[in-house]
Amino acid sequence: MQVTALLDALGPFEPTPHLAVALSGGADSTALLLLAREWAVQRGGTVSALIVDHRLRDDSTDEAKEVAARLGAIILTPEHPMVSNNLAERAREWRYDALTAWCRDHHVLHLLVAHHADDQAETVALHTERGDTEDGASAMAAVTIRDGVRILRPLLHIRKSQLEAYLRAHNASWVEDPTNANLTFKRNAIRHAMTDSEHERLIAIAQREGAARAQRDEAHARAAARVAQASEDEITLDSATLLALPQPIATRLLADSLCTVSGSHTRPRKHETEGLFARIQQPTFSKATLKHCLIEKRGTTLHISPEHAENMDRRASKPLAASPFWWLDSRSF
């Protein structure tokens, strides 16, 4: 399995890299951990395996201890409320918060997660069904940045069946997450209904659109350098330059501005930013709100600031690897 080349492509790395791997004990993350250890040993580096135990299931702590003992992992037990309108989504956010916090505390720049090609296919299907952002068809990026930590996905071109075959070849065991069989979760339902040929078709779409997204990212970053200015508490955009941009780049720049100011890790829906851009083009535009942000025109500039500053998550957000606001790593809104 050519994961070495896939990981090398996600650099640069330090001379003796220290990687963290998000571990659940399932086949995907177990294979990633073993592969990452092989890669790191060849470079004189180290790998820390991290398990997040949310304690949302009665037996989750025992399972985490068993996996940690077998694979030499560290268990993180973040404190958070157990009530949410969307517990699955909130648990995902809590998990990344705990993982990136550990990485920052231990000066680890690279966090590996085990999303693979089958996950890409399911993500494309989900985004297509929802009519999501323009990047939905490109699914997950191989590199993103969150709270100053590089999130790396080296397995996006590898099928789950290949990972399981690798584990069997190395006599390595794994555990099955019982929630994966719960068809009330949309992703699980899509996974169980999708044929192998449909998986292959959607994987090809993700790869094609991912390459297109990389080109958009580059154009986006260049545009941001001309249009955007970031201060401690807001982002300002030159109105005339913004309106002269092609609409896809302009709306993308607006979306990332809103994400960065609000502290959100997800963009608004495509139709929301397109609607905002249409309003901004009107001569009578003065102000609007979206994504918990206030967008206000003052003279020749647009000012994007928190709508209710006292309620905002004060950490700088990193919605995308190519976000033009990567320089905010050490700054908090």
C-alpha atoms as a PDB file:
ATOM      1  CA  MET A   1       0.000   0.000   0.000  1.00  0.00           C
ATOM      2  CA  GLN A   2       1.650   3.218  -1.212  1.00  0.00           C
ATOM      3  CA  VAL A   3       0.806   5.345   1.834  1.00  0.00           C
ATOM      4  CA  THR A   4       4.421   6.516   2.145  1.00  0.00           C
ATOM      5  CA  ALA A   5       4.160   8.542  -1.048  1.00  0.00           C
ATOM      6  CA  LEU A   6       0.699   9.792  -0.071  1.00  0.00           C
ATOM      7  CA  LEU A   7       1.989  11.020   3.285  1.00  0.00           C
ATOM      8  CA  ASP A   8       5.105  12.569   1.754  1.00  0.00           C
ATOM      9  CA  ALA A   9       2.835  14.569  -0.553  1.00  0.00           C
ATOM     10  CA  LEU A  10       1.103  16.155   2.448  1.00  0.00           C
ATOM     11  CA  GLY A  11       4.308  17.771   3.772  1.00  0.00           C
ATOM     12  CA  PRO A  12       6.423  19.610   4.502  1.00  0.00           C
ATOM     13  CA  PHE A  13       7.384  17.803   7.697  1.00  0.00           C
ATOM     14  CA  GLU A  14      10.096  18.400  10.276  1.00  0.00           C
ATOM     15  CA  PRO A  15      13.397  16.476  10.008  1.00  0.00           C
ATOM     16  CA  THR A  16      12.174  14.158  12.819  1.00  0.00           C
ATOM     17  CA  PRO A  17       8.399  14.516  12.551  1.00  0.00           C
ATOM     18  CA  HIS A  18       5.993  14.016  15.427  1.00  0.00           C
ATOM     19  CA  LEU A  19       2.569  12.907  14.177  1.00  0.00           C
ATOM     20  CA  ALA A  20      -0.661  12.455  16.097  1.00  0.00           C
ATOM     21  CA  VAL A  21      -3.223   9.906  14.870  1.00  0.00           C
ATOM     22  CA  ALA A  22      -6.909  10.088  15.773  1.00  0.00           C
ATOM     23  CA  LEU A  23      -7.687   6.508  16.821  1.00  0.00           C
ATOM     24  CA  SER A  24     -11.062   4.875  17.358  1.00  0.00           C
ATOM     25  CA  GLY A  25      -9.931   1.260  17.253  1.00  0.00           C
ATOM     26  CA  GLY A  26     -11.839   0.602  14.023  1.00  0.00           C
ATOM     27  CA  ALA A  27     -10.188  -0.828  10.930  1.00  0.00           C
ATOM     28  CA  ASP A  28      -9.596   2.557   9.266  1.00  0.00           C
ATOM     29  CA  SER A  29      -7.803   4.306  12.117  1.00  0.00           C
ATOM     30  CA  THR A  30      -5.954   1.156  13.231  1.00  0.00           C
ATOM     31  CA  ALA A  31      -4.506   0.717   9.734  1.00  0.00           C
ATOM     32  CA  LEU A  32      -3.614   4.419   9.606  1.00  0.00           C
ATOM     33  CA  LEU A  33      -1.798   4.171  12.946  1.00  0.00           C
ATOM     34  CA  LEU A  34       0.302   1.184  11.835  1.00  0.00           C
ATOM     35  CA  LEU A  35       1.112   2.821   8.503  1.00  0.00           C
ATOM     36  CA  ALA A  36       2.005   6.131  10.171  1.00  0.00           C
ATOM     37  CA  ARG A  37       4.331   4.343  12.592  1.00  0.00           C
ATOM     38  CA  GLU A  38       6.123   2.642   9.687  1.00  0.00           C
ATOM     39  CA  TRP A  39       6.502   6.015   7.948  1.00  0.00           C
ATOM     40  CA  ALA A  40       7.702   7.832  11.076  1.00  0.00           C
ATOM     41  CA  VAL A  41      10.255   5.185  12.081  1.00  0.00           C
ATOM     42  CA  GLN A  42      11.917   5.489   8.667  1.00  0.00           C
ATOM     43  CA  ARG A  43      12.399   9.218   9.373  1.00  0.00           C
ATOM     44  CA  GLY A  44      13.436   9.039  13.006  1.00  0.00           C
ATOM     45  CA  GLY A  45      10.079  10.461  14.052  1.00  0.00           C
ATOM     46  CA  THR A  46       7.383   9.521  16.545  1.00  0.00           C
ATOM     47  CA  VAL A  47       3.630   8.930  16.526  1.00  0.00           C
ATOM     48  CA  SER A  48       1.141   9.595  19.311  1.00  0.00           C
ATOM     49  CA  ALA A  49      -2.185   7.752  19.075  1.00  0.00           C
ATOM     50  CA  LEU A  50      -5.118   9.664  20.570  1.00  0.00           C
ATOM     51  CA  ILE A  51      -8.506   8.247  21.569  1.00  0.00           C
ATOM     52  CA  VAL A  52     -11.337  10.620  22.480  1.00  0.00           C
ATOM     53  CA  ASP A  53     -13.819   9.100  24.929  1.00  0.00           C
ATOM     54  CA  HIS A  54     -16.941  11.263  25.043  1.00  0.00           C
ATOM     55  CA  ARG A  55     -18.572   8.854  27.536  1.00  0.00           C
ATOM     56  CA  LEU A  56     -21.798   9.086  25.547  1.00  0.00           C
ATOM     57  CA  ARG A  57     -22.252   5.290  25.687  1.00  0.00           C
ATOM     58  CA  ASP A  58     -22.103   3.184  28.854  1.00  0.00           C
ATOM     59  CA  ASP A  59     -19.353   0.920  27.530  1.00  0.00           C
ATOM     60  CA  SER A  60     -17.284   3.557  25.713  1.00  0.00           C
ATOM     61  CA  THR A  61     -14.712   3.932  28.505  1.00  0.00           C
ATOM     62  CA  ASP A  62     -14.020   0.191  28.724  1.00  0.00           C
ATOM     63  CA  GLU A  63     -13.679   0.038  24.932  1.00  0.00           C
ATOM     64  CA  ALA A  64     -11.287   3.004  24.928  1.00  0.00           C
ATOM     65  CA  LYS A  65      -9.127   1.406  27.636  1.00  0.00           C
ATOM     66  CA  GLU A  66      -8.954  -1.888  25.719  1.00  0.00           C
ATOM     67  CA  VAL A  67      -7.911  -0.183  22.480  1.00  0.00           C
ATOM     68  CA  ALA A  68      -5.419   2.068  24.298  1.00  0.00           C
ATOM     69  CA  ALA A  69      -3.777  -0.904  26.001  1.00  0.00           C
ATOM     70  CA  ARG A  70      -3.553  -2.872  22.744  1.00  0.00           C
ATOM     71  CA  LEU A  71      -2.230  -0.042  20.566  1.00  0.00           C
ATOM     72  CA  GLY A  72      -0.388   2.167  23.040  1.00  0.00           C
ATOM     73  CA  ALA A  73      -2.728   5.138  22.826  1.00  0.00           C
ATOM     74  CA  ILE A  74      -3.552   8.135  25.005  1.00  0.00           C
ATOM     75  CA  ILE A  75      -7.185   8.571  26.099  1.00  0.00           C
ATOM     76  CA  LEU A  76      -8.664  12.082  26.093  1.00  0.00           C
ATOM     77  CA  THR A  77     -11.853  12.671  28.091  1.00  0.00           C
ATOM     78  CA  PRO A  78     -13.086  16.205  27.338  1.00  0.00           C
ATOM     79  CA  GLU A  79     -15.784  17.771  29.483  1.00  0.00           C
ATOM     80  CA  HIS A  80     -18.827  18.968  27.575  1.00  0.00           C
ATOM     81  CA  PRO A  81     -22.617  19.037  27.913  1.00  0.00           C
ATOM     82  CA  MET A  82     -24.417  15.827  26.992  1.00  0.00           C
ATOM     83  CA  VAL A  83     -27.419  17.584  25.460  1.00  0.00           C
ATOM     84  CA  SER A  84     -27.522  18.904  21.892  1.00  0.00           C
ATOM     85  CA  ASN A  85     -30.036  19.254  19.072  1.00  0.00           C
ATOM     86  CA  ASN A  86     -27.538  17.390  16.859  1.00  0.00           C
ATOM     87  CA  LEU A  87     -25.450  15.237  19.168  1.00  0.00           C
ATOM     88  CA  ALA A  88     -23.565  13.472  16.366  1.00  0.00           C
ATOM     89  CA  GLU A  89     -22.411  16.776  14.863  1.00  0.00           C
ATOM     90  CA  ARG A  90     -21.558  18.257  18.244  1.00  0.00           C
ATOM     91  CA  ALA A  91     -19.593  15.133  19.209  1.00  0.00           C
ATOM     92  CA  ARG A  92     -17.557  15.542  16.029  1.00  0.00           C
ATOM     93  CA  GLU A  93     -16.740  19.143  16.965  1.00  0.00           C
ATOM     94  CA  TRP A  94     -15.874  18.144  20.538  1.00  0.00           C
ATOM     95  CA  ARG A  95     -13.617  15.384  19.226  1.00  0.00           C
ATOM     96  CA  TYR A  96     -11.654  17.740  16.978  1.00  0.00           C
ATOM     97  CA  ASP A  97     -11.473  20.329  19.756  1.00  0.00           C
ATOM     98  CA  ALA A  98      -9.949  17.758  22.122  1.00  0.00           C
ATOM     99  CA  LEU A  99      -7.530  16.408  19.505  1.00  0.00           C
ATOM    100  CA  THR A 100      -6.255  19.789  18.350  1.00  0.00           C
ATOM    101  CA  ALA A 101      -5.981  21.059  21.941  1.00  0.00           C
ATOM    102  CA  TRP A 102      -3.735  18.093  22.798  1.00  0.00           C
ATOM    103  CA  CYS A 103      -1.642  18.725  19.690  1.00  0.00           C
ATOM    104  CA  ARG A 104      -1.167  22.395  20.560  1.00  0.00           C
ATOM    105  CA  ASP A 105      -0.293  21.574  24.182  1.00  0.00           C
ATOM    106  CA  HIS A 106       2.323  19.049  23.025  1.00  0.00           C
ATOM    107  CA  HIS A 107       3.661  21.080  20.074  1.00  0.00           C
ATOM    108  CA  VAL A 108       2.441  18.569  17.473  1.00  0.00           C
ATOM    109  CA  LEU A 109       1.664  20.223  14.145  1.00  0.00           C
ATOM    110  CA  HIS A 110       0.232  17.240  12.206  1.00  0.00           C
ATOM    111  CA  LEU A 111      -2.931  15.318  13.125  1.00  0.00           C
ATOM    112  CA  LEU A 112      -3.752  12.336  10.904  1.00  0.00           C
ATOM    113  CA  VAL A 113      -7.346  11.174  10.495  1.00  0.00           C
ATOM    114  CA  ALA A 114      -8.459   8.007   8.714  1.00  0.00           C
ATOM    115  CA  HIS A 115     -11.045   9.173   6.200  1.00  0.00           C
ATOM    116  CA  HIS A 116     -10.725   7.006   3.090  1.00  0.00           C
ATOM    117  CA  ALA A 117     -12.091   6.733  -0.459  1.00  0.00           C
ATOM    118  CA  ASP A 118     -15.396   5.169   0.620  1.00  0.00           C
ATOM    119  CA  ASP A 119     -15.923   8.070   3.033  1.00  0.00           C
ATOM    120  CA  GLN A 120     -15.332  10.430   0.117  1.00  0.00           C
ATOM    121  CA  ALA A 121     -18.072   8.750  -1.916  1.00  0.00           C
ATOM    122  CA  GLU A 122     -20.548   8.983   0.970  1.00  0.00           C
ATOM    123  CA  THR A 123     -19.657  12.640   1.553  1.00  0.00           C
ATOM    124  CA  VAL A 124     -20.284  13.502  -2.106  1.00  0.00           C
ATOM    125  CA  ALA A 125     -23.652  11.729  -1.922  1.00  0.00           C
ATOM    126  CA  LEU A 126     -24.617  13.610   1.252  1.00  0.00           C
ATOM    127  CA  HIS A 127     -23.627  17.017  -0.106  1.00  0.00           C
ATOM    128  CA  THR A 128     -25.349  16.372  -3.426  1.00  0.00           C
ATOM    129  CA  GLU A 129     -28.575  15.432  -1.669  1.00  0.00           C
ATOM    130  CA  ARG A 130     -28.478  18.542   0.534  1.00  0.00           C
ATOM    131  CA  GLY A 131     -27.543  20.988  -2.226  1.00  0.00           C
ATOM    132  CA  ASP A 132     -24.551  22.058  -0.166  1.00  0.00           C
ATOM    133  CA  THR A 133     -21.622  24.417  -0.759  1.00  0.00           C
ATOM    134  CA  GLU A 134     -19.834  24.513  -4.101  1.00  0.00           C
ATOM    135  CA  ASP A 135     -17.055  22.377  -2.623  1.00  0.00           C
ATOM    136  CA  GLY A 136     -19.480  19.610  -1.627  1.00  0.00           C
ATOM    137  CA  ALA A 137     -18.747  17.505  -4.716  1.00  0.00           C
ATOM    138  CA  SER A 138     -15.031  17.590  -3.926  1.00  0.00           C
ATOM    139  CA  ALA A 139     -15.752  16.060  -0.501  1.00  0.00           C
ATOM    140  CA  MET A 140     -12.922  16.241   2.050  1.00  0.00           C
ATOM    141  CA  ALA A 141      -9.596  17.932   1.415  1.00  0.00           C
ATOM    142  CA  ALA A 142      -6.361  16.040   2.059  1.00  0.00           C
ATOM    143  CA  VAL A 143      -5.056  18.940   4.165  1.00  0.00           C
ATOM    144  CA  THR A 144      -7.019  21.367   6.300  1.00  0.00           C
ATOM    145  CA  ILE A 145      -6.004  23.599   9.186  1.00  0.00           C
ATOM    146  CA  ARG A 146      -7.943  23.824  12.428  1.00  0.00           C
ATOM    147  CA  ASP A 147      -6.893  25.910  15.403  1.00  0.00           C
ATOM    148  CA  GLY A 148      -3.301  26.001  14.171  1.00  0.00           C
ATOM    149  CA  VAL A 149      -3.039  22.207  13.630  1.00  0.00           C
ATOM    150  CA  ARG A 150      -2.678  20.586  10.196  1.00  0.00           C
ATOM    151  CA  ILE A 151      -5.360  17.919   9.706  1.00  0.00           C
ATOM    152  CA  LEU A 152      -3.997  15.350   7.233  1.00  0.00           C
ATOM    153  CA  ARG A 153      -6.024  12.690   5.398  1.00  0.00           C
ATOM    154  CA  PRO A 154      -3.526  10.444   3.585  1.00  0.00           C
ATOM    155  CA  LEU A 155      -6.012   7.618   2.868  1.00  0.00           C
ATOM    156  CA  LEU A 156      -8.461   9.451   0.596  1.00  0.00           C
ATOM    157  CA  HIS A 157      -7.400   7.400  -2.443  1.00  0.00           C
ATOM    158  CA  ILE A 158      -7.554   4.050  -0.617  1.00  0.00           C
ATOM    159  CA  ARG A 159     -10.646   1.852  -0.296  1.00  0.00           C
ATOM    160  CA  LYS A 160     -11.775   0.518   3.066  1.00  0.00           C
ATOM    161  CA  SER A 161     -11.419  -3.042   1.760  1.00  0.00           C
ATOM    162  CA  GLN A 162      -7.711  -2.395   1.124  1.00  0.00           C
ATOM    163  CA  LEU A 163      -7.245  -1.205   4.714  1.00  0.00           C
ATOM    164  CA  GLU A 164      -8.932  -4.299   6.089  1.00  0.00           C
ATOM    165  CA  ALA A 165      -6.800  -6.520   3.838  1.00  0.00           C
ATOM    166  CA  TYR A 166      -3.676  -4.757   5.140  1.00  0.00           C
ATOM    167  CA  LEU A 167      -4.702  -5.444   8.739  1.00  0.00           C
ATOM    168  CA  ARG A 168      -5.422  -9.107   8.044  1.00  0.00           C
ATOM    169  CA  ALA A 169      -2.035  -9.449   6.347  1.00  0.00           C
ATOM    170  CA  HIS A 170      -0.409  -8.067   9.501  1.00  0.00           C
ATOM    171  CA  ASN A 171      -2.546 -10.150  11.892  1.00  0.00           C
ATOM    172  CA  ALA A 172      -3.910  -6.945  13.396  1.00  0.00           C
ATOM    173  CA  SER A 173      -7.350  -6.858  15.004  1.00  0.00           C
ATOM    174  CA  TRP A 174      -9.855  -4.049  15.177  1.00  0.00           C
ATOM    175  CA  VAL A 175     -13.223  -3.262  16.736  1.00  0.00           C
ATOM    176  CA  GLU A 176     -16.479  -2.434  15.001  1.00  0.00           C
ATOM    177  CA  ASP A 177     -18.352   0.683  16.127  1.00  0.00           C
ATOM    178  CA  PRO A 178     -21.931  -0.452  16.872  1.00  0.00           C
ATOM    179  CA  THR A 179     -23.315   2.923  15.799  1.00  0.00           C
ATOM    180  CA  ASN A 180     -22.206   2.167  12.208  1.00  0.00           C
ATOM    181  CA  ALA A 181     -25.116  -0.265  11.943  1.00  0.00           C
ATOM    182  CA  ASN A 182     -27.682   2.357  12.993  1.00  0.00           C
ATOM    183  CA  LEU A 183     -29.505   3.196   9.768  1.00  0.00           C
ATOM    184  CA  THR A 184     -31.272   6.179  11.343  1.00  0.00           C
ATOM    185  CA  PHE A 185     -28.008   8.062  10.721  1.00  0.00           C
ATOM    186  CA  LYS A 186     -28.083   9.407   7.161  1.00  0.00           C
ATOM    187  CA  ARG A 187     -24.487   8.506   6.332  1.00  0.00           C
ATOM    188  CA  ASN A 188     -24.992   4.915   7.487  1.00  0.00           C
ATOM    189  CA  ALA A 189     -28.139   4.604   5.380  1.00  0.00           C
ATOM    190  CA  ILE A 190     -26.299   5.890   2.309  1.00  0.00           C
ATOM    191  CA  ARG A 191     -23.386   3.522   2.954  1.00  0.00           C
ATOM    192  CA  HIS A 192     -25.598   0.449   3.186  1.00  0.00           C
ATOM    193  CA  ALA A 193     -27.645   1.394   0.111  1.00  0.00           C
ATOM    194  CA  MET A 194     -24.713   2.268  -2.172  1.00  0.00           C
ATOM    195  CA  THR A 195     -23.462  -0.275  -4.698  1.00  0.00           C
ATOM    196  CA  ASP A 196     -19.769  -0.782  -5.353  1.00  0.00           C
ATOM    197  CA  SER A 197     -20.078   0.758  -8.810  1.00  0.00           C
ATOM    198  CA  GLU A 198     -21.768   3.808  -7.292  1.00  0.00           C
ATOM    199  CA  HIS A 199     -18.909   4.091  -4.793  1.00  0.00           C
ATOM    200  CA  GLU A 200     -16.406   4.067  -7.648  1.00  0.00           C
ATOM    201  CA  ARG A 201     -18.369   6.690  -9.599  1.00  0.00           C
ATOM    202  CA  LEU A 202     -18.574   9.060  -6.628  1.00  0.00           C
ATOM    203  CA  ILE A 203     -14.930   8.526  -5.698  1.00  0.00           C
ATOM    204  CA  ALA A 204     -13.981   9.586  -9.242  1.00  0.00           C
ATOM    205  CA  ILE A 205     -16.154  12.699  -8.882  1.00  0.00           C
ATOM    206  CA  ALA A 206     -14.465  13.566  -5.569  1.00  0.00           C
ATOM    207  CA  GLN A 207     -11.001  13.217  -7.100  1.00  0.00           C
ATOM    208  CA  ARG A 208     -11.897  15.292 -10.165  1.00  0.00           C
ATOM    209  CA  GLU A 209     -13.620  17.999  -8.160  1.00  0.00           C
ATOM    210  CA  GLY A 210     -10.864  17.965  -5.566  1.00  0.00           C
ATOM    211  CA  ALA A 211      -8.349  18.918  -8.247  1.00  0.00           C
ATOM    212  CA  ALA A 212     -10.684  21.699  -9.395  1.00  0.00           C
ATOM    213  CA  ARG A 213     -11.004  22.909  -5.812  1.00  0.00           C
ATOM    214  CA  ALA A 214      -7.215  23.161  -5.524  1.00  0.00           C
ATOM    215  CA  GLN A 215      -7.240  25.515  -8.504  1.00  0.00           C
ATOM    216  CA  ARG A 216     -10.059  27.545  -6.941  1.00  0.00           C
ATOM    217  CA  ASP A 217      -8.121  27.697  -3.677  1.00  0.00           C
ATOM    218  CA  GLU A 218      -5.151  29.247  -5.437  1.00  0.00           C
ATOM    219  CA  ALA A 219      -7.310  31.841  -7.191  1.00  0.00           C
ATOM    220  CA  HIS A 220      -9.132  32.451  -3.924  1.00  0.00           C
ATOM    221  CA  ALA A 221      -5.919  33.101  -1.993  1.00  0.00           C
ATOM    222  CA  ARG A 222      -4.687  35.520  -4.653  1.00  0.00           C
ATOM    223  CA  ALA A 223      -7.997  37.390  -4.545  1.00  0.00           C
ATOM    224  CA  ALA A 224      -7.951  37.562  -0.765  1.00  0.00           C
ATOM    225  CA  ALA A 225      -4.508  39.128  -0.810  1.00  0.00           C
ATOM    226  CA  ARG A 226      -5.916  41.960  -2.958  1.00  0.00           C
ATOM    227  CA  VAL A 227      -9.269  42.385  -1.242  1.00  0.00           C
ATOM    228  CA  ALA A 228      -9.122  41.425   2.441  1.00  0.00           C
ATOM    229  CA  GLN A 229      -7.599  43.022   5.507  1.00  0.00           C
ATOM    230  CA  ALA A 230      -7.820  41.382   8.941  1.00  0.00           C
ATOM    231  CA  SER A 231      -7.702  43.233  12.250  1.00  0.00           C
ATOM    232  CA  GLU A 232      -8.186  42.019  15.810  1.00  0.00           C
ATOM    233  CA  ASP A 233     -11.972  42.141  15.699  1.00  0.00           C
ATOM    234  CA  GLU A 234     -13.094  42.237  12.062  1.00  0.00           C
ATOM    235  CA  ILE A 235     -12.298  41.602   8.420  1.00  0.00           C
ATOM    236  CA  THR A 236     -12.666  44.386   5.877  1.00  0.00           C
ATOM    237  CA  LEU A 237     -13.117  43.866   2.139  1.00  0.00           C
ATOM    238  CA  ASP A 238     -12.637  46.478  -0.574  1.00  0.00           C
ATOM    239  CA  SER A 239     -16.118  46.683  -2.131  1.00  0.00           C
ATOM    240  CA  ALA A 240     -15.155  47.606  -5.675  1.00  0.00           C
ATOM    241  CA  THR A 241     -12.467  44.934  -5.934  1.00  0.00           C
ATOM    242  CA  LEU A 242     -14.760  42.315  -4.409  1.00  0.00           C
ATOM    243  CA  LEU A 243     -17.598  43.086  -6.819  1.00  0.00           C
ATOM    244  CA  ALA A 244     -15.203  42.918  -9.787  1.00  0.00           C
ATOM    245  CA  LEU A 245     -14.234  39.327  -8.932  1.00  0.00           C
ATOM    246  CA  PRO A 246     -15.918  36.359 -10.620  1.00  0.00           C
ATOM    247  CA  GLN A 247     -18.944  35.460  -8.527  1.00  0.00           C
ATOM    248  CA  PRO A 248     -17.670  32.017  -7.391  1.00  0.00           C
ATOM    249  CA  ILE A 249     -14.490  33.560  -5.997  1.00  0.00           C
ATOM    250  CA  ALA A 250     -16.312  36.525  -4.442  1.00  0.00           C
ATOM    251  CA  THR A 251     -18.907  34.352  -2.692  1.00  0.00           C
ATOM    252  CA  ARG A 252     -16.202  31.968  -1.497  1.00  0.00           C
ATOM    253  CA  LEU A 253     -14.250  34.890  -0.057  1.00  0.00           C
ATOM    254  CA  LEU A 254     -17.371  36.119   1.707  1.00  0.00           C
ATOM    255  CA  ALA A 255     -18.025  32.641   3.104  1.00  0.00           C
ATOM    256  CA  ASP A 256     -14.518  32.261   4.514  1.00  0.00           C
ATOM    257  CA  SER A 257     -14.650  35.765   5.978  1.00  0.00           C
ATOM    258  CA  LEU A 258     -17.853  34.841   7.805  1.00  0.00           C
ATOM    259  CA  CYS A 259     -16.380  31.556   9.026  1.00  0.00           C
ATOM    260  CA  THR A 260     -13.229  33.196  10.320  1.00  0.00           C
ATOM    261  CA  VAL A 261     -15.043  35.981  12.161  1.00  0.00           C
ATOM    262  CA  SER A 262     -17.739  33.720  13.617  1.00  0.00           C
ATOM    263  CA  GLY A 263     -15.354  30.951  14.656  1.00  0.00           C
ATOM    264  CA  SER A 264     -17.303  28.411  12.619  1.00  0.00           C
ATOM    265  CA  HIS A 265     -15.640  25.483  10.859  1.00  0.00           C
ATOM    266  CA  THR A 266     -18.396  25.139   8.262  1.00  0.00           C
ATOM    267  CA  ARG A 267     -19.331  27.578   5.522  1.00  0.00           C
ATOM    268  CA  PRO A 268     -22.842  28.913   4.980  1.00  0.00           C
ATOM    269  CA  ARG A 269     -24.873  27.167   2.299  1.00  0.00           C
ATOM    270  CA  LYS A 270     -24.025  28.236  -1.240  1.00  0.00           C
ATOM    271  CA  HIS A 271     -27.400  29.914  -1.793  1.00  0.00           C
ATOM    272  CA  GLU A 272     -26.912  31.983   1.363  1.00  0.00           C
ATOM    273  CA  THR A 273     -23.601  33.520   0.271  1.00  0.00           C
ATOM    274  CA  GLU A 274     -24.893  33.988  -3.273  1.00  0.00           C
ATOM    275  CA  GLY A 275     -27.893  35.827  -1.846  1.00  0.00           C
ATOM    276  CA  LEU A 276     -25.617  37.997   0.300  1.00  0.00           C
ATOM    277  CA  PHE A 277     -23.430  38.801  -2.704  1.00  0.00           C
ATOM    278  CA  ALA A 278     -26.504  39.808  -4.715  1.00  0.00           C
ATOM    279  CA  ARG A 279     -27.593  42.159  -1.923  1.00  0.00           C
ATOM    280  CA  ILE A 280     -24.126  43.700  -1.639  1.00  0.00           C
ATOM    281  CA  GLN A 281     -24.253  44.563  -5.347  1.00  0.00           C
ATOM    282  CA  GLN A 282     -27.318  46.742  -4.825  1.00  0.00           C
ATOM    283  CA  PRO A 283     -26.522  50.504  -4.556  1.00  0.00           C
ATOM    284  CA  THR A 284     -28.854  50.752  -1.548  1.00  0.00           C
ATOM    285  CA  PHE A 285     -27.089  48.028   0.461  1.00  0.00           C
ATOM    286  CA  SER A 286     -26.092  49.125   3.953  1.00  0.00           C
ATOM    287  CA  LYS A 287     -26.000  46.076   6.252  1.00  0.00           C
ATOM    288  CA  ALA A 288     -26.969  42.422   6.612  1.00  0.00           C
ATOM    289  CA  THR A 289     -26.410  39.500   8.959  1.00  0.00           C
ATOM    290  CA  LEU A 290     -25.350  35.940   8.206  1.00  0.00           C
ATOM    291  CA  LYS A 291     -23.523  33.199  10.116  1.00  0.00           C
ATOM    292  CA  HIS A 292     -23.778  35.255  13.335  1.00  0.00           C
ATOM    293  CA  CYS A 293     -21.876  38.086  11.635  1.00  0.00           C
ATOM    294  CA  LEU A 294     -22.747  41.682  10.817  1.00  0.00           C
ATOM    295  CA  ILE A 295     -21.846  42.727   7.265  1.00  0.00           C
ATOM    296  CA  GLU A 296     -21.874  46.509   6.992  1.00  0.00           C
ATOM    297  CA  LYS A 297     -20.919  48.850   4.175  1.00  0.00           C
ATOM    298  CA  ARG A 298     -18.994  51.958   5.214  1.00  0.00           C
ATOM    299  CA  GLY A 299     -17.889  54.108   2.325  1.00  0.00           C
ATOM    300  CA  THR A 300     -15.932  51.924  -0.086  1.00  0.00           C
ATOM    301  CA  THR A 301     -15.371  48.965   2.272  1.00  0.00           C
ATOM    302  CA  LEU A 302     -17.366  46.102   3.721  1.00  0.00           C
ATOM    303  CA  HIS A 303     -16.832  45.411   7.412  1.00  0.00           C
ATOM    304  CA  ILE A 304     -17.512  41.904   8.732  1.00  0.00           C
ATOM    305  CA  SER A 305     -17.648  41.646  12.516  1.00  0.00           C
ATOM    306  CA  PRO A 306     -19.327  39.428  15.132  1.00  0.00           C
ATOM    307  CA  GLU A 307     -23.047  40.158  15.370  1.00  0.00           C
ATOM    308  CA  HIS A 308     -22.977  39.506  19.123  1.00  0.00           C
ATOM    309  CA  ALA A 309     -19.336  39.609  20.141  1.00  0.00           C
ATOM    310  CA  GLU A 310     -19.977  38.517  23.723  1.00  0.00           C
ATOM    311  CA  ASN A 311     -21.436  35.195  22.533  1.00  0.00           C
ATOM    312  CA  MET A 312     -18.813  34.309  19.929  1.00  0.00           C
ATOM    313  CA  ASP A 313     -16.241  31.549  20.108  1.00  0.00           C
ATOM    314  CA  ARG A 314     -13.128  33.694  20.391  1.00  0.00           C
ATOM    315  CA  ARG A 315     -10.773  31.223  18.690  1.00  0.00           C
ATOM    316  CA  ALA A 316      -9.716  31.957  15.131  1.00  0.00           C
ATOM    317  CA  SER A 317     -11.349  29.529  12.739  1.00  0.00           C
ATOM    318  CA  LYS A 318      -9.585  27.673   9.959  1.00  0.00           C
ATOM    319  CA  PRO A 319     -12.315  26.567   7.563  1.00  0.00           C
ATOM    320  CA  LEU A 320      -9.971  25.386   4.791  1.00  0.00           C
ATOM    321  CA  ALA A 321      -6.328  24.589   4.249  1.00  0.00           C
ATOM    322  CA  ALA A 322      -6.101  27.284   1.586  1.00  0.00           C
ATOM    323  CA  SER A 323      -8.086  29.791   3.593  1.00  0.00           C
ATOM    324  CA  PRO A 324      -6.608  33.261   3.063  1.00  0.00           C
ATOM    325  CA  PHE A 325      -6.831  33.796   6.820  1.00  0.00           C
ATOM    326  CA  TRP A 326      -4.216  31.238   7.833  1.00  0.00           C
ATOM    327  CA  TRP A 327      -2.143  34.055   9.320  1.00  0.00           C
ATOM    328  CA  LEU A 328      -4.609  34.284  12.211  1.00  0.00           C
ATOM    329  CA  ASP A 329      -3.097  31.195  13.879  1.00  0.00           C
ATOM    330  CA  SER A 330      -1.852  33.127  16.883  1.00  0.00           C
ATOM    331  CA  ARG A 331      -4.642  35.690  16.933  1.00  0.00           C
ATOM    332  CA  SER A 332      -8.021  35.392  18.627  1.00  0.00           C
ATOM    333  CA  PHE A 333     -11.089  37.380  17.746  1.00  0.00           C
END
